[in-house]
Amino acid sequence: MGDFLEIFYLLETLDALIRRQNTGNCQRLAKRLEISERSVFRLLSYLSIIVSRDRIKIRYDKKKNTYYYSQIDYFFNHFSQKTFPKNN
């Protein structure tokens, strides 16, 4: 993982895959995102911290082989324009 924009893109992609419950296991997710497994766990950790503000947890379903949000209809929007105040 590199610069801010790359991490931002990866977080958005990870969020979309989690919402669709289509992540696969860590190894598959690493291949899909073209990053290491360690980086996958790092991204999951970052995203967990962000969504915990909304009292949401990221969990893993062994039967479905996917990560998912503890609240099914959760919509991640912490990177919207509201998050970053405009400079006047």
C-alpha atoms as a PDB file:
ATOM      1  CA  MET A   1       0.000   0.000   0.000  1.00  0.00           C
ATOM      2  CA  GLY A   2       1.280   3.384  -0.874  1.00  0.00           C
ATOM      3  CA  ASP A   3      -0.003   6.903  -0.907  1.00  0.00           C
ATOM      4  CA  PHE A   4      -3.239   8.341   0.450  1.00  0.00           C
ATOM      5  CA  LEU A   5      -5.161   8.022  -2.818  1.00  0.00           C
ATOM      6  CA  GLU A   6      -4.274   4.348  -3.159  1.00  0.00           C
ATOM      7  CA  ILE A   7      -5.372   3.633   0.418  1.00  0.00           C
ATOM      8  CA  PHE A   8      -8.552   5.658  -0.137  1.00  0.00           C
ATOM      9  CA  TYR A   9      -9.350   3.645  -3.279  1.00  0.00           C
ATOM     10  CA  LEU A  10      -8.654   0.358  -1.506  1.00  0.00           C
ATOM     11  CA  LEU A  11     -10.897   1.327   1.429  1.00  0.00           C
ATOM     12  CA  GLU A  12     -13.728   2.233  -0.941  1.00  0.00           C
ATOM     13  CA  THR A  13     -13.288  -1.030  -2.836  1.00  0.00           C
ATOM     14  CA  LEU A  14     -13.161  -3.042   0.381  1.00  0.00           C
ATOM     15  CA  ASP A  15     -16.315  -1.306   1.617  1.00  0.00           C
ATOM     16  CA  ALA A  16     -18.168  -2.158  -1.606  1.00  0.00           C
ATOM     17  CA  LEU A  17     -17.120  -5.805  -1.390  1.00  0.00           C
ATOM     18  CA  ILE A  18     -18.146  -6.018   2.269  1.00  0.00           C
ATOM     19  CA  ARG A  19     -21.561  -4.473   1.530  1.00  0.00           C
ATOM     20  CA  ARG A  20     -22.108  -7.030  -1.249  1.00  0.00           C
ATOM     21  CA  GLN A  21     -20.759  -9.769   1.030  1.00  0.00           C
ATOM     22  CA  ASN A  22     -18.404 -10.758  -1.752  1.00  0.00           C
ATOM     23  CA  THR A  23     -14.930 -10.484  -0.230  1.00  0.00           C
ATOM     24  CA  GLY A  24     -13.866 -14.108  -0.058  1.00  0.00           C
ATOM     25  CA  ASN A  25     -11.270 -15.023   2.537  1.00  0.00           C
ATOM     26  CA  CYS A  26      -8.197 -12.926   3.294  1.00  0.00           C
ATOM     27  CA  GLN A  27      -6.022 -14.714   0.753  1.00  0.00           C
ATOM     28  CA  ARG A  28      -8.563 -14.273  -2.042  1.00  0.00           C
ATOM     29  CA  LEU A  29      -9.152 -10.657  -1.071  1.00  0.00           C
ATOM     30  CA  ALA A  30      -5.415  -9.958  -1.191  1.00  0.00           C
ATOM     31  CA  LYS A  31      -5.207 -11.360  -4.708  1.00  0.00           C
ATOM     32  CA  ARG A  32      -8.285  -9.438  -5.785  1.00  0.00           C
ATOM     33  CA  LEU A  33      -6.945  -6.125  -4.453  1.00  0.00           C
ATOM     34  CA  GLU A  34      -3.389  -6.947  -5.571  1.00  0.00           C
ATOM     35  CA  ILE A  35      -1.943  -6.391  -2.100  1.00  0.00           C
ATOM     36  CA  SER A  36      -0.440  -8.626   0.587  1.00  0.00           C
ATOM     37  CA  GLU A  37      -2.519 -10.444   3.193  1.00  0.00           C
ATOM     38  CA  ARG A  38      -0.908  -8.249   5.850  1.00  0.00           C
ATOM     39  CA  SER A  39      -2.149  -5.184   3.954  1.00  0.00           C
ATOM     40  CA  VAL A  40      -5.658  -6.674   3.852  1.00  0.00           C
ATOM     41  CA  PHE A  41      -5.642  -6.987   7.638  1.00  0.00           C
ATOM     42  CA  ARG A  42      -4.319  -3.435   7.913  1.00  0.00           C
ATOM     43  CA  LEU A  43      -7.147  -2.139   5.682  1.00  0.00           C
ATOM     44  CA  LEU A  44      -9.719  -4.107   7.665  1.00  0.00           C
ATOM     45  CA  SER A  45      -8.300  -2.555  10.823  1.00  0.00           C
ATOM     46  CA  TYR A  46      -8.508   0.980   9.383  1.00  0.00           C
ATOM     47  CA  LEU A  47     -12.044   0.413   8.146  1.00  0.00           C
ATOM     48  CA  SER A  48     -13.064  -1.114  11.494  1.00  0.00           C
ATOM     49  CA  ILE A  49     -11.882   2.004  13.298  1.00  0.00           C
ATOM     50  CA  ILE A  50     -13.799   4.249  10.910  1.00  0.00           C
ATOM     51  CA  VAL A  51     -17.101   2.344  11.026  1.00  0.00           C
ATOM     52  CA  SER A  52     -16.892   1.870  14.793  1.00  0.00           C
ATOM     53  CA  ARG A  53     -17.944   5.522  15.077  1.00  0.00           C
ATOM     54  CA  ASP A  54     -21.351   4.300  13.925  1.00  0.00           C
ATOM     55  CA  ARG A  55     -21.189   1.319  16.301  1.00  0.00           C
ATOM     56  CA  ILE A  56     -20.714  -1.059  13.391  1.00  0.00           C
ATOM     57  CA  LYS A  57     -18.394  -4.055  13.405  1.00  0.00           C
ATOM     58  CA  ILE A  58     -16.804  -5.958  10.566  1.00  0.00           C
ATOM     59  CA  ARG A  59     -17.297  -9.686  10.990  1.00  0.00           C
ATOM     60  CA  TYR A  60     -16.356 -12.781   9.033  1.00  0.00           C
ATOM     61  CA  ASP A  61     -18.831 -15.519   8.058  1.00  0.00           C
ATOM     62  CA  LYS A  62     -17.012 -18.842   7.633  1.00  0.00           C
ATOM     63  CA  LYS A  63     -19.979 -20.484   5.903  1.00  0.00           C
ATOM     64  CA  LYS A  64     -20.375 -17.715   3.319  1.00  0.00           C
ATOM     65  CA  ASN A  65     -16.619 -17.110   3.205  1.00  0.00           C
ATOM     66  CA  THR A  66     -16.966 -13.330   3.364  1.00  0.00           C
ATOM     67  CA  TYR A  67     -16.574 -10.291   5.587  1.00  0.00           C
ATOM     68  CA  TYR A  68     -19.751  -8.356   6.357  1.00  0.00           C
ATOM     69  CA  TYR A  69     -20.989  -5.404   8.408  1.00  0.00           C
ATOM     70  CA  SER A  70     -22.810  -6.199  11.652  1.00  0.00           C
ATOM     71  CA  GLN A  71     -25.703  -4.033  10.455  1.00  0.00           C
ATOM     72  CA  ILE A  72     -26.937  -5.362   7.101  1.00  0.00           C
ATOM     73  CA  ASP A  73     -28.141  -2.053   5.643  1.00  0.00           C
ATOM     74  CA  TYR A  74     -25.132  -0.046   6.845  1.00  0.00           C
ATOM     75  CA  PHE A  75     -23.927   2.532   4.343  1.00  0.00           C
ATOM     76  CA  PHE A  76     -20.348   3.713   4.707  1.00  0.00           C
ATOM     77  CA  ASN A  77     -20.094   7.416   3.893  1.00  0.00           C
ATOM     78  CA  HIS A  78     -17.245   8.716   5.995  1.00  0.00           C
ATOM     79  CA  PHE A  79     -15.332   9.872   2.946  1.00  0.00           C
ATOM     80  CA  SER A  80     -18.119  12.038   1.643  1.00  0.00           C
ATOM     81  CA  GLN A  81     -17.663  15.775   1.254  1.00  0.00           C
ATOM     82  CA  LYS A  82     -19.237  16.256   4.698  1.00  0.00           C
ATOM     83  CA  THR A  83     -16.209  14.580   6.233  1.00  0.00           C
ATOM     84  CA  PHE A  84     -13.768  17.131   4.861  1.00  0.00           C
ATOM     85  CA  PRO A  85     -14.752  20.723   5.711  1.00  0.00           C
ATOM     86  CA  LYS A  86     -14.133  23.340   3.070  1.00  0.00           C
ATOM     87  CA  ASN A  87     -11.429  25.898   3.713  1.00  0.00           C
ATOM     88  CA  ASN A  88     -12.741  29.451   3.512  1.00  0.00           C
END
